[in-house]
Amino acid sequence: MKSSEAQPGSREIRFFLIATFAWSWSFWLAQIILVRAGLVSPGTAPFMLLLMAGGFGPTILALVCAARRSGDRPLADFLRTWLPGRLPPAGFAVLGAGLILTLARPMAIRSLDPGSPLLVENWPAMLALFPAMIVGGGLEEPGWRGIVYDGSKRLRSGDLLALGGMALVWTAWHLPLWLIPGTHQNTSMDLVSFGLVVGSLTLIFYSLRLAGASVGWCILAHAFYNTALGAFVPSADSTADRIVSLAVLAGALAFFLAFRRRIRGRPEAPGFARP
C-alpha cells in the first residue's frame, strides 16, 4: 500500500464505514433471525455475546484502519490517542455544556412525565455504572471521533452538513437494535428521540475534537452520557421525550455555533482546520 493511501483520508473513511456496518449488522441480523426462531433467548449468554460483538464493530475496525497505515508503529500511535491527556481550556467549556445537556434531558422528561421514576435514587451509586459504560458505548469513539474525524477535512473545519451527515450515519448504524427482541432499544427506546439525541451528542463530541481534545476525552464523555441515561427509565410519554430531545438538540446547536465562531477567531487552536 502506498504511503499516501495509508494516511487518514476519504478512502480510509469509506473502508471504515463500510466494514463497520458490515461487521455490526452481520452479528445483529443473525441475532434477529436466531431470536425470532427461538434458538437464542434475550438475556442469555449467546444473546449478549452477539449483541456485544456487533457493538464492538467501530472499535475493531478503527484498530484495523490504524494498523493499515504506513509509518513507524501506527497502531501504537493510534492507541495513545485513547488516553485523555491534557485538555485545552476550550475542551472544558465543551465538557461543561455536554454535562448540562446530558443531565437536563432526563430531568426535564421526568418533570413532564412524573411516572418515569429514577432507577438510581442514590447518585453516587450511579458511578458503579461508569466503567461498564466505557466498554458499552465509549469505545465506539476511536472510530466515529477518531478515524472519521482525523480523515475528514470538513469535520475538522466544523462543517454543519458534514456533522449532520455523521449524525445520520451514527443513527443508522444502531437501527438493527430496534428489530432485536429483548434489547433496550426494542423494548424501551423511542427511535425519533434517539435520533435527536444522537444529533446533540454528535455536536458535543466533535466539538471536543475541534477544541483539541484527544479521542480519550470523547470516550469518557460518551461513557458519562450512557451512565446518566442508565439512571433513568425511559419516559412512557414519547411526545414528552421527543419535545425535550428536540430542545436539547437546539441547545447543542446554539452552543456549537457560538463555540465554532470563537474557535475560528483563534487559528492557533489545536486540531482546527480552516475550510
C-alpha atoms as a PDB file:
ATOM      1  CA  MET A   1       0.000   0.000   0.000  1.00  0.00           C
ATOM      2  CA  LYS A   2       1.306   3.439  -0.905  1.00  0.00           C
ATOM      3  CA  SER A   3       2.036   5.836   1.889  1.00  0.00           C
ATOM      4  CA  SER A   4      -0.487   8.385   0.656  1.00  0.00           C
ATOM      5  CA  GLU A   5      -3.184   5.719   0.720  1.00  0.00           C
ATOM      6  CA  ALA A   6      -2.272   4.641   4.237  1.00  0.00           C
ATOM      7  CA  GLN A   7      -2.757   8.072   5.737  1.00  0.00           C
ATOM      8  CA  PRO A   8      -6.119   9.213   7.132  1.00  0.00           C
ATOM      9  CA  GLY A   9      -8.391  10.349   4.316  1.00  0.00           C
ATOM     10  CA  SER A  10     -11.597   9.721   2.414  1.00  0.00           C
ATOM     11  CA  ARG A  11     -10.523   6.239   1.293  1.00  0.00           C
ATOM     12  CA  GLU A  12      -9.887   5.171   4.869  1.00  0.00           C
ATOM     13  CA  ILE A  13     -13.214   6.645   5.972  1.00  0.00           C
ATOM     14  CA  ARG A  14     -15.071   4.718   3.272  1.00  0.00           C
ATOM     15  CA  PHE A  15     -13.347   1.500   4.284  1.00  0.00           C
ATOM     16  CA  PHE A  16     -14.114   2.114   7.955  1.00  0.00           C
ATOM     17  CA  LEU A  17     -17.803   2.884   7.401  1.00  0.00           C
ATOM     18  CA  ILE A  18     -18.482   0.014   5.005  1.00  0.00           C
ATOM     19  CA  ALA A  19     -16.571  -2.517   7.100  1.00  0.00           C
ATOM     20  CA  THR A  20     -18.112  -1.302  10.368  1.00  0.00           C
ATOM     21  CA  PHE A  21     -21.664  -1.581   9.068  1.00  0.00           C
ATOM     22  CA  ALA A  22     -20.912  -5.000   7.544  1.00  0.00           C
ATOM     23  CA  TRP A  23     -19.375  -6.274  10.796  1.00  0.00           C
ATOM     24  CA  SER A  24     -22.020  -4.969  13.190  1.00  0.00           C
ATOM     25  CA  TRP A  25     -25.072  -5.648  11.052  1.00  0.00           C
ATOM     26  CA  SER A  26     -23.915  -9.199  10.301  1.00  0.00           C
ATOM     27  CA  PHE A  27     -23.955 -10.060  14.004  1.00  0.00           C
ATOM     28  CA  TRP A  28     -27.168  -8.164  14.730  1.00  0.00           C
ATOM     29  CA  LEU A  29     -29.097  -9.509  11.746  1.00  0.00           C
ATOM     30  CA  ALA A  30     -28.022 -13.030  12.701  1.00  0.00           C
ATOM     31  CA  GLN A  31     -29.243 -12.287  16.205  1.00  0.00           C
ATOM     32  CA  ILE A  32     -32.638 -11.167  14.878  1.00  0.00           C
ATOM     33  CA  ILE A  33     -33.021 -14.439  12.986  1.00  0.00           C
ATOM     34  CA  LEU A  34     -31.904 -16.601  15.913  1.00  0.00           C
ATOM     35  CA  VAL A  35     -34.124 -14.853  18.464  1.00  0.00           C
ATOM     36  CA  ARG A  36     -37.205 -14.923  16.248  1.00  0.00           C
ATOM     37  CA  ALA A  37     -36.572 -18.596  15.511  1.00  0.00           C
ATOM     38  CA  GLY A  38     -36.435 -19.322  19.250  1.00  0.00           C
ATOM     39  CA  LEU A  39     -32.836 -20.542  19.095  1.00  0.00           C
ATOM     40  CA  VAL A  40     -31.492 -17.732  21.307  1.00  0.00           C
ATOM     41  CA  SER A  41     -33.317 -16.125  24.218  1.00  0.00           C
ATOM     42  CA  PRO A  42     -32.967 -12.484  25.347  1.00  0.00           C
ATOM     43  CA  GLY A  43     -30.689 -12.093  28.342  1.00  0.00           C
ATOM     44  CA  THR A  44     -28.782 -15.332  27.826  1.00  0.00           C
ATOM     45  CA  ALA A  45     -25.037 -15.519  27.267  1.00  0.00           C
ATOM     46  CA  PRO A  46     -25.284 -16.179  23.488  1.00  0.00           C
ATOM     47  CA  PHE A  47     -27.692 -13.236  23.162  1.00  0.00           C
ATOM     48  CA  MET A  48     -25.301 -10.872  24.964  1.00  0.00           C
ATOM     49  CA  LEU A  49     -22.268 -12.144  23.062  1.00  0.00           C
ATOM     50  CA  LEU A  50     -23.905 -11.443  19.709  1.00  0.00           C
ATOM     51  CA  LEU A  51     -25.058  -8.023  20.902  1.00  0.00           C
ATOM     52  CA  MET A  52     -21.595  -7.073  22.156  1.00  0.00           C
ATOM     53  CA  ALA A  53     -19.812  -8.495  19.109  1.00  0.00           C
ATOM     54  CA  GLY A  54     -21.823  -6.170  16.890  1.00  0.00           C
ATOM     55  CA  GLY A  55     -21.323  -3.236  19.225  1.00  0.00           C
ATOM     56  CA  PHE A  56     -17.546  -3.558  19.041  1.00  0.00           C
ATOM     57  CA  GLY A  57     -17.601  -3.033  15.268  1.00  0.00           C
ATOM     58  CA  PRO A  58     -16.412   0.618  15.367  1.00  0.00           C
ATOM     59  CA  THR A  59     -13.669  -0.270  17.853  1.00  0.00           C
ATOM     60  CA  ILE A  60     -12.322  -3.250  15.921  1.00  0.00           C
ATOM     61  CA  LEU A  61     -12.439  -1.549  12.533  1.00  0.00           C
ATOM     62  CA  ALA A  62     -10.769   1.566  13.961  1.00  0.00           C
ATOM     63  CA  LEU A  63      -7.873  -0.655  15.044  1.00  0.00           C
ATOM     64  CA  VAL A  64      -7.783  -2.299  11.616  1.00  0.00           C
ATOM     65  CA  CYS A  65      -7.662   1.107   9.904  1.00  0.00           C
ATOM     66  CA  ALA A  66      -4.858   2.323  12.143  1.00  0.00           C
ATOM     67  CA  ALA A  67      -2.856  -0.870  11.593  1.00  0.00           C
ATOM     68  CA  ARG A  68      -3.136  -0.389   7.805  1.00  0.00           C
ATOM     69  CA  ARG A  69      -1.416   2.991   7.932  1.00  0.00           C
ATOM     70  CA  SER A  70       2.206   3.461   6.976  1.00  0.00           C
ATOM     71  CA  GLY A  71       4.900   4.707   9.303  1.00  0.00           C
ATOM     72  CA  ASP A  72       6.625   3.500  12.421  1.00  0.00           C
ATOM     73  CA  ARG A  73       4.191   1.757  14.837  1.00  0.00           C
ATOM     74  CA  PRO A  74       0.966   3.417  13.563  1.00  0.00           C
ATOM     75  CA  LEU A  75      -1.220   1.226  15.780  1.00  0.00           C
ATOM     76  CA  ALA A  76       0.697   2.204  18.929  1.00  0.00           C
ATOM     77  CA  ASP A  77       0.389   5.878  17.976  1.00  0.00           C
ATOM     78  CA  PHE A  78      -3.344   5.466  17.469  1.00  0.00           C
ATOM     79  CA  LEU A  79      -3.818   3.696  20.797  1.00  0.00           C
ATOM     80  CA  ARG A  80      -2.124   6.610  22.568  1.00  0.00           C
ATOM     81  CA  THR A  81      -4.956   8.864  21.393  1.00  0.00           C
ATOM     82  CA  TRP A  82      -7.312   6.746  23.522  1.00  0.00           C
ATOM     83  CA  LEU A  83      -5.800   8.313  26.650  1.00  0.00           C
ATOM     84  CA  PRO A  84      -7.457  11.531  27.874  1.00  0.00           C
ATOM     85  CA  GLY A  85      -4.247  13.554  28.075  1.00  0.00           C
ATOM     86  CA  ARG A  86      -4.174  17.315  28.513  1.00  0.00           C
ATOM     87  CA  LEU A  87      -7.492  19.072  27.938  1.00  0.00           C
ATOM     88  CA  PRO A  88      -7.334  22.576  26.413  1.00  0.00           C
ATOM     89  CA  PRO A  89      -9.454  25.312  28.060  1.00  0.00           C
ATOM     90  CA  ALA A  90     -11.985  25.176  25.217  1.00  0.00           C
ATOM     91  CA  GLY A  91     -12.400  21.477  25.950  1.00  0.00           C
ATOM     92  CA  PHE A  92     -13.557  22.249  29.493  1.00  0.00           C
ATOM     93  CA  ALA A  93     -16.250  24.512  28.043  1.00  0.00           C
ATOM     94  CA  VAL A  94     -17.434  21.701  25.775  1.00  0.00           C
ATOM     95  CA  LEU A  95     -17.468  19.188  28.630  1.00  0.00           C
ATOM     96  CA  GLY A  96     -19.444  21.643  30.767  1.00  0.00           C
ATOM     97  CA  ALA A  97     -22.028  22.180  28.033  1.00  0.00           C
ATOM     98  CA  GLY A  98     -22.265  18.445  27.454  1.00  0.00           C
ATOM     99  CA  LEU A  99     -22.725  17.834  31.186  1.00  0.00           C
ATOM    100  CA  ILE A 100     -25.586  20.353  31.383  1.00  0.00           C
ATOM    101  CA  LEU A 101     -27.335  18.990  28.295  1.00  0.00           C
ATOM    102  CA  THR A 102     -26.867  15.371  29.355  1.00  0.00           C
ATOM    103  CA  LEU A 103     -28.394  15.876  32.796  1.00  0.00           C
ATOM    104  CA  ALA A 104     -31.079  18.309  31.627  1.00  0.00           C
ATOM    105  CA  ARG A 105     -32.726  15.854  29.254  1.00  0.00           C
ATOM    106  CA  PRO A 106     -33.732  13.065  31.696  1.00  0.00           C
ATOM    107  CA  MET A 107     -34.588  15.549  34.437  1.00  0.00           C
ATOM    108  CA  ALA A 108     -36.822  17.549  32.073  1.00  0.00           C
ATOM    109  CA  ILE A 109     -38.512  14.386  30.823  1.00  0.00           C
ATOM    110  CA  ARG A 110     -39.123  13.290  34.393  1.00  0.00           C
ATOM    111  CA  SER A 111     -40.702  16.673  35.228  1.00  0.00           C
ATOM    112  CA  LEU A 112     -43.029  16.375  32.215  1.00  0.00           C
ATOM    113  CA  ASP A 113     -43.759  12.715  32.858  1.00  0.00           C
ATOM    114  CA  PRO A 114     -43.719  12.140  36.650  1.00  0.00           C
ATOM    115  CA  GLY A 115     -44.486   8.483  36.058  1.00  0.00           C
ATOM    116  CA  SER A 116     -40.870   7.951  34.975  1.00  0.00           C
ATOM    117  CA  PRO A 117     -39.030   7.026  38.199  1.00  0.00           C
ATOM    118  CA  LEU A 118     -35.300   7.113  38.754  1.00  0.00           C
ATOM    119  CA  LEU A 119     -33.582   3.764  38.512  1.00  0.00           C
ATOM    120  CA  VAL A 120     -30.847   5.027  40.824  1.00  0.00           C
ATOM    121  CA  GLU A 121     -32.060   7.389  43.527  1.00  0.00           C
ATOM    122  CA  ASN A 122     -28.603   7.485  45.113  1.00  0.00           C
ATOM    123  CA  TRP A 123     -26.435   9.374  42.600  1.00  0.00           C
ATOM    124  CA  PRO A 124     -23.071   8.155  43.980  1.00  0.00           C
ATOM    125  CA  ALA A 125     -24.201   4.608  43.317  1.00  0.00           C
ATOM    126  CA  MET A 126     -24.566   5.560  39.658  1.00  0.00           C
ATOM    127  CA  LEU A 127     -20.778   5.773  39.443  1.00  0.00           C
ATOM    128  CA  ALA A 128     -20.675   1.981  39.552  1.00  0.00           C
ATOM    129  CA  LEU A 129     -22.118   2.023  36.026  1.00  0.00           C
ATOM    130  CA  PHE A 130     -19.379   4.228  34.629  1.00  0.00           C
ATOM    131  CA  PRO A 131     -16.632   1.622  33.995  1.00  0.00           C
ATOM    132  CA  ALA A 132     -19.135  -0.643  32.251  1.00  0.00           C
ATOM    133  CA  MET A 133     -20.292   2.233  30.063  1.00  0.00           C
ATOM    134  CA  ILE A 134     -16.730   2.908  28.903  1.00  0.00           C
ATOM    135  CA  VAL A 135     -16.870  -0.533  27.302  1.00  0.00           C
ATOM    136  CA  GLY A 136     -20.580  -0.393  26.456  1.00  0.00           C
ATOM    137  CA  GLY A 137     -20.554   2.674  24.230  1.00  0.00           C
ATOM    138  CA  GLY A 138     -17.449   4.713  24.985  1.00  0.00           C
ATOM    139  CA  LEU A 139     -15.176   2.515  22.915  1.00  0.00           C
ATOM    140  CA  GLU A 140     -17.139   3.390  19.775  1.00  0.00           C
ATOM    141  CA  GLU A 141     -15.370   6.745  19.830  1.00  0.00           C
ATOM    142  CA  PRO A 142     -11.974   5.715  18.334  1.00  0.00           C
ATOM    143  CA  GLY A 143     -13.969   5.010  15.181  1.00  0.00           C
ATOM    144  CA  TRP A 144     -16.504   7.834  14.936  1.00  0.00           C
ATOM    145  CA  ARG A 145     -14.408  10.582  16.549  1.00  0.00           C
ATOM    146  CA  GLY A 146     -11.002   9.110  15.706  1.00  0.00           C
ATOM    147  CA  ILE A 147     -10.789   7.508  12.269  1.00  0.00           C
ATOM    148  CA  VAL A 148     -13.626   9.516  10.707  1.00  0.00           C
ATOM    149  CA  TYR A 149     -12.703  12.868  12.243  1.00  0.00           C
ATOM    150  CA  ASP A 150      -8.994  12.591  11.501  1.00  0.00           C
ATOM    151  CA  GLY A 151      -9.680  11.737   7.872  1.00  0.00           C
ATOM    152  CA  SER A 152     -12.311  14.399   7.134  1.00  0.00           C
ATOM    153  CA  LYS A 153     -11.300  17.996   6.386  1.00  0.00           C
ATOM    154  CA  ARG A 154     -14.951  19.022   6.527  1.00  0.00           C
ATOM    155  CA  LEU A 155     -15.418  17.633  10.037  1.00  0.00           C
ATOM    156  CA  ARG A 156     -12.151  19.224  11.157  1.00  0.00           C
ATOM    157  CA  SER A 157     -13.449  22.571   9.877  1.00  0.00           C
ATOM    158  CA  GLY A 158     -16.709  22.248  11.814  1.00  0.00           C
ATOM    159  CA  ASP A 159     -18.889  21.958   8.687  1.00  0.00           C
ATOM    160  CA  LEU A 160     -22.508  21.563   9.801  1.00  0.00           C
ATOM    161  CA  LEU A 161     -23.545  19.462   6.792  1.00  0.00           C
ATOM    162  CA  ALA A 162     -20.727  17.017   7.481  1.00  0.00           C
ATOM    163  CA  LEU A 163     -21.715  16.867  11.155  1.00  0.00           C
ATOM    164  CA  GLY A 164     -25.356  16.274  10.206  1.00  0.00           C
ATOM    165  CA  GLY A 165     -24.304  13.519   7.838  1.00  0.00           C
ATOM    166  CA  MET A 166     -22.329  11.794  10.566  1.00  0.00           C
ATOM    167  CA  ALA A 167     -25.288  12.053  12.948  1.00  0.00           C
ATOM    168  CA  LEU A 168     -27.419  10.236  10.359  1.00  0.00           C
ATOM    169  CA  VAL A 169     -24.723   7.600   9.800  1.00  0.00           C
ATOM    170  CA  TRP A 170     -24.304   7.053  13.535  1.00  0.00           C
ATOM    171  CA  THR A 171     -28.071   6.724  13.990  1.00  0.00           C
ATOM    172  CA  ALA A 172     -28.360   4.322  11.038  1.00  0.00           C
ATOM    173  CA  TRP A 173     -25.652   2.081  12.465  1.00  0.00           C
ATOM    174  CA  HIS A 174     -27.868   1.437  15.513  1.00  0.00           C
ATOM    175  CA  LEU A 175     -31.046   0.640  13.555  1.00  0.00           C
ATOM    176  CA  PRO A 176     -30.947  -3.213  13.739  1.00  0.00           C
ATOM    177  CA  LEU A 177     -31.094  -2.971  17.534  1.00  0.00           C
ATOM    178  CA  TRP A 178     -34.754  -1.904  17.310  1.00  0.00           C
ATOM    179  CA  LEU A 179     -35.504  -5.179  15.499  1.00  0.00           C
ATOM    180  CA  ILE A 180     -33.885  -7.469  18.079  1.00  0.00           C
ATOM    181  CA  PRO A 181     -36.483  -8.592  20.653  1.00  0.00           C
ATOM    182  CA  GLY A 182     -35.243  -8.027  24.177  1.00  0.00           C
ATOM    183  CA  THR A 183     -32.827  -5.164  23.569  1.00  0.00           C
ATOM    184  CA  HIS A 184     -33.236  -1.852  25.392  1.00  0.00           C
ATOM    185  CA  GLN A 185     -33.897  -0.165  22.049  1.00  0.00           C
ATOM    186  CA  ASN A 186     -36.609  -2.662  21.094  1.00  0.00           C
ATOM    187  CA  THR A 187     -38.452  -2.580  24.399  1.00  0.00           C
ATOM    188  CA  SER A 188     -37.979   0.917  25.754  1.00  0.00           C
ATOM    189  CA  MET A 189     -36.393   3.466  23.411  1.00  0.00           C
ATOM    190  CA  ASP A 190     -38.152   5.837  21.023  1.00  0.00           C
ATOM    191  CA  LEU A 191     -36.269   5.929  17.705  1.00  0.00           C
ATOM    192  CA  VAL A 192     -37.129   9.560  16.914  1.00  0.00           C
ATOM    193  CA  SER A 193     -35.916  10.728  20.326  1.00  0.00           C
ATOM    194  CA  PHE A 194     -32.781   8.637  19.921  1.00  0.00           C
ATOM    195  CA  GLY A 195     -32.010  10.279  16.577  1.00  0.00           C
ATOM    196  CA  LEU A 196     -32.401  13.742  18.105  1.00  0.00           C
ATOM    197  CA  VAL A 197     -30.107  12.804  20.982  1.00  0.00           C
ATOM    198  CA  VAL A 198     -27.525  11.444  18.536  1.00  0.00           C
ATOM    199  CA  GLY A 199     -27.601  14.815  16.791  1.00  0.00           C
ATOM    200  CA  SER A 200     -26.854  16.567  20.092  1.00  0.00           C
ATOM    201  CA  LEU A 201     -24.041  14.181  21.006  1.00  0.00           C
ATOM    202  CA  THR A 202     -22.527  14.470  17.537  1.00  0.00           C
ATOM    203  CA  LEU A 203     -22.180  18.223  18.030  1.00  0.00           C
ATOM    204  CA  ILE A 204     -20.720  17.825  21.521  1.00  0.00           C
ATOM    205  CA  PHE A 205     -18.274  15.016  20.791  1.00  0.00           C
ATOM    206  CA  TYR A 206     -16.929  16.591  17.597  1.00  0.00           C
ATOM    207  CA  SER A 207     -16.665  19.921  19.443  1.00  0.00           C
ATOM    208  CA  LEU A 208     -14.321  18.164  21.855  1.00  0.00           C
ATOM    209  CA  ARG A 209     -12.081  17.198  18.945  1.00  0.00           C
ATOM    210  CA  LEU A 210     -12.300  20.708  17.487  1.00  0.00           C
ATOM    211  CA  ALA A 211     -11.171  22.028  20.861  1.00  0.00           C
ATOM    212  CA  GLY A 212      -8.043  19.885  20.596  1.00  0.00           C
ATOM    213  CA  ALA A 213      -9.139  17.101  22.947  1.00  0.00           C
ATOM    214  CA  SER A 214      -7.988  13.552  22.328  1.00  0.00           C
ATOM    215  CA  VAL A 215     -10.272  10.642  21.454  1.00  0.00           C
ATOM    216  CA  GLY A 216      -9.877   9.588  25.091  1.00  0.00           C
ATOM    217  CA  TRP A 217     -11.981  12.526  26.244  1.00  0.00           C
ATOM    218  CA  CYS A 218     -14.717  11.523  23.806  1.00  0.00           C
ATOM    219  CA  ILE A 219     -14.638   8.004  25.262  1.00  0.00           C
ATOM    220  CA  LEU A 220     -15.152   9.390  28.769  1.00  0.00           C
ATOM    221  CA  ALA A 221     -17.874  11.828  27.649  1.00  0.00           C
ATOM    222  CA  HIS A 222     -19.751   9.054  25.846  1.00  0.00           C
ATOM    223  CA  ALA A 223     -19.491   6.800  28.895  1.00  0.00           C
ATOM    224  CA  PHE A 224     -20.796   9.570  31.140  1.00  0.00           C
ATOM    225  CA  TYR A 225     -23.807  10.146  28.898  1.00  0.00           C
ATOM    226  CA  ASN A 226     -24.647   6.440  28.917  1.00  0.00           C
ATOM    227  CA  THR A 227     -24.213   6.390  32.694  1.00  0.00           C
ATOM    228  CA  ALA A 228     -26.634   9.284  33.168  1.00  0.00           C
ATOM    229  CA  LEU A 229     -29.098   7.658  30.777  1.00  0.00           C
ATOM    230  CA  GLY A 230     -28.836   4.422  32.728  1.00  0.00           C
ATOM    231  CA  ALA A 231     -30.049   6.204  35.861  1.00  0.00           C
ATOM    232  CA  PHE A 232     -33.491   6.792  34.368  1.00  0.00           C
ATOM    233  CA  VAL A 233     -36.174   4.557  32.991  1.00  0.00           C
ATOM    234  CA  PRO A 234     -37.412   5.716  29.573  1.00  0.00           C
ATOM    235  CA  SER A 235     -40.379   8.059  29.542  1.00  0.00           C
ATOM    236  CA  ALA A 236     -43.721   6.395  28.920  1.00  0.00           C
ATOM    237  CA  ASP A 237     -44.757   9.542  27.058  1.00  0.00           C
ATOM    238  CA  SER A 238     -42.917   9.541  23.726  1.00  0.00           C
ATOM    239  CA  THR A 239     -44.232  13.027  22.929  1.00  0.00           C
ATOM    240  CA  ALA A 240     -42.571  14.496  26.018  1.00  0.00           C
ATOM    241  CA  ASP A 241     -39.390  12.599  25.192  1.00  0.00           C
ATOM    242  CA  ARG A 242     -39.312  13.991  21.652  1.00  0.00           C
ATOM    243  CA  ILE A 243     -40.052  17.569  22.720  1.00  0.00           C
ATOM    244  CA  VAL A 244     -37.272  17.549  25.308  1.00  0.00           C
ATOM    245  CA  SER A 245     -34.832  15.827  22.938  1.00  0.00           C
ATOM    246  CA  LEU A 246     -35.547  18.438  20.261  1.00  0.00           C
ATOM    247  CA  ALA A 247     -34.985  21.237  22.785  1.00  0.00           C
ATOM    248  CA  VAL A 248     -31.676  19.665  23.819  1.00  0.00           C
ATOM    249  CA  LEU A 249     -30.625  19.427  20.170  1.00  0.00           C
ATOM    250  CA  ALA A 250     -31.460  23.110  19.706  1.00  0.00           C
ATOM    251  CA  GLY A 251     -29.348  23.931  22.757  1.00  0.00           C
ATOM    252  CA  ALA A 252     -26.449  21.844  21.475  1.00  0.00           C
ATOM    253  CA  LEU A 253     -26.661  23.540  18.075  1.00  0.00           C
ATOM    254  CA  ALA A 254     -26.697  27.011  19.636  1.00  0.00           C
ATOM    255  CA  PHE A 255     -23.664  26.127  21.737  1.00  0.00           C
ATOM    256  CA  PHE A 256     -21.838  24.666  18.743  1.00  0.00           C
ATOM    257  CA  LEU A 257     -22.407  27.729  16.543  1.00  0.00           C
ATOM    258  CA  ALA A 258     -21.128  30.054  19.273  1.00  0.00           C
ATOM    259  CA  PHE A 259     -18.216  27.698  20.000  1.00  0.00           C
ATOM    260  CA  ARG A 260     -17.273  27.450  16.312  1.00  0.00           C
ATOM    261  CA  ARG A 261     -17.216  31.239  15.897  1.00  0.00           C
ATOM    262  CA  ARG A 262     -14.908  31.549  18.881  1.00  0.00           C
ATOM    263  CA  ILE A 263     -12.571  28.802  17.668  1.00  0.00           C
ATOM    264  CA  ARG A 264     -12.429  30.277  14.170  1.00  0.00           C
ATOM    265  CA  GLY A 265     -11.334  33.516  15.744  1.00  0.00           C
ATOM    266  CA  ARG A 266      -8.346  31.676  17.234  1.00  0.00           C
ATOM    267  CA  PRO A 267      -6.492  29.964  14.366  1.00  0.00           C
ATOM    268  CA  GLU A 268      -3.904  28.698  16.794  1.00  0.00           C
ATOM    269  CA  ALA A 269      -6.494  26.431  18.395  1.00  0.00           C
ATOM    270  CA  PRO A 270      -5.226  22.841  18.253  1.00  0.00           C
ATOM    271  CA  GLY A 271      -6.914  20.484  15.875  1.00  0.00           C
ATOM    272  CA  PHE A 272      -8.859  23.164  13.982  1.00  0.00           C
ATOM    273  CA  ALA A 273      -8.544  23.289  10.230  1.00  0.00           C
ATOM    274  CA  ARG A 274      -9.978  26.153   8.245  1.00  0.00           C
ATOM    275  CA  PRO A 275     -12.180  25.233   5.271  1.00  0.00           C
END
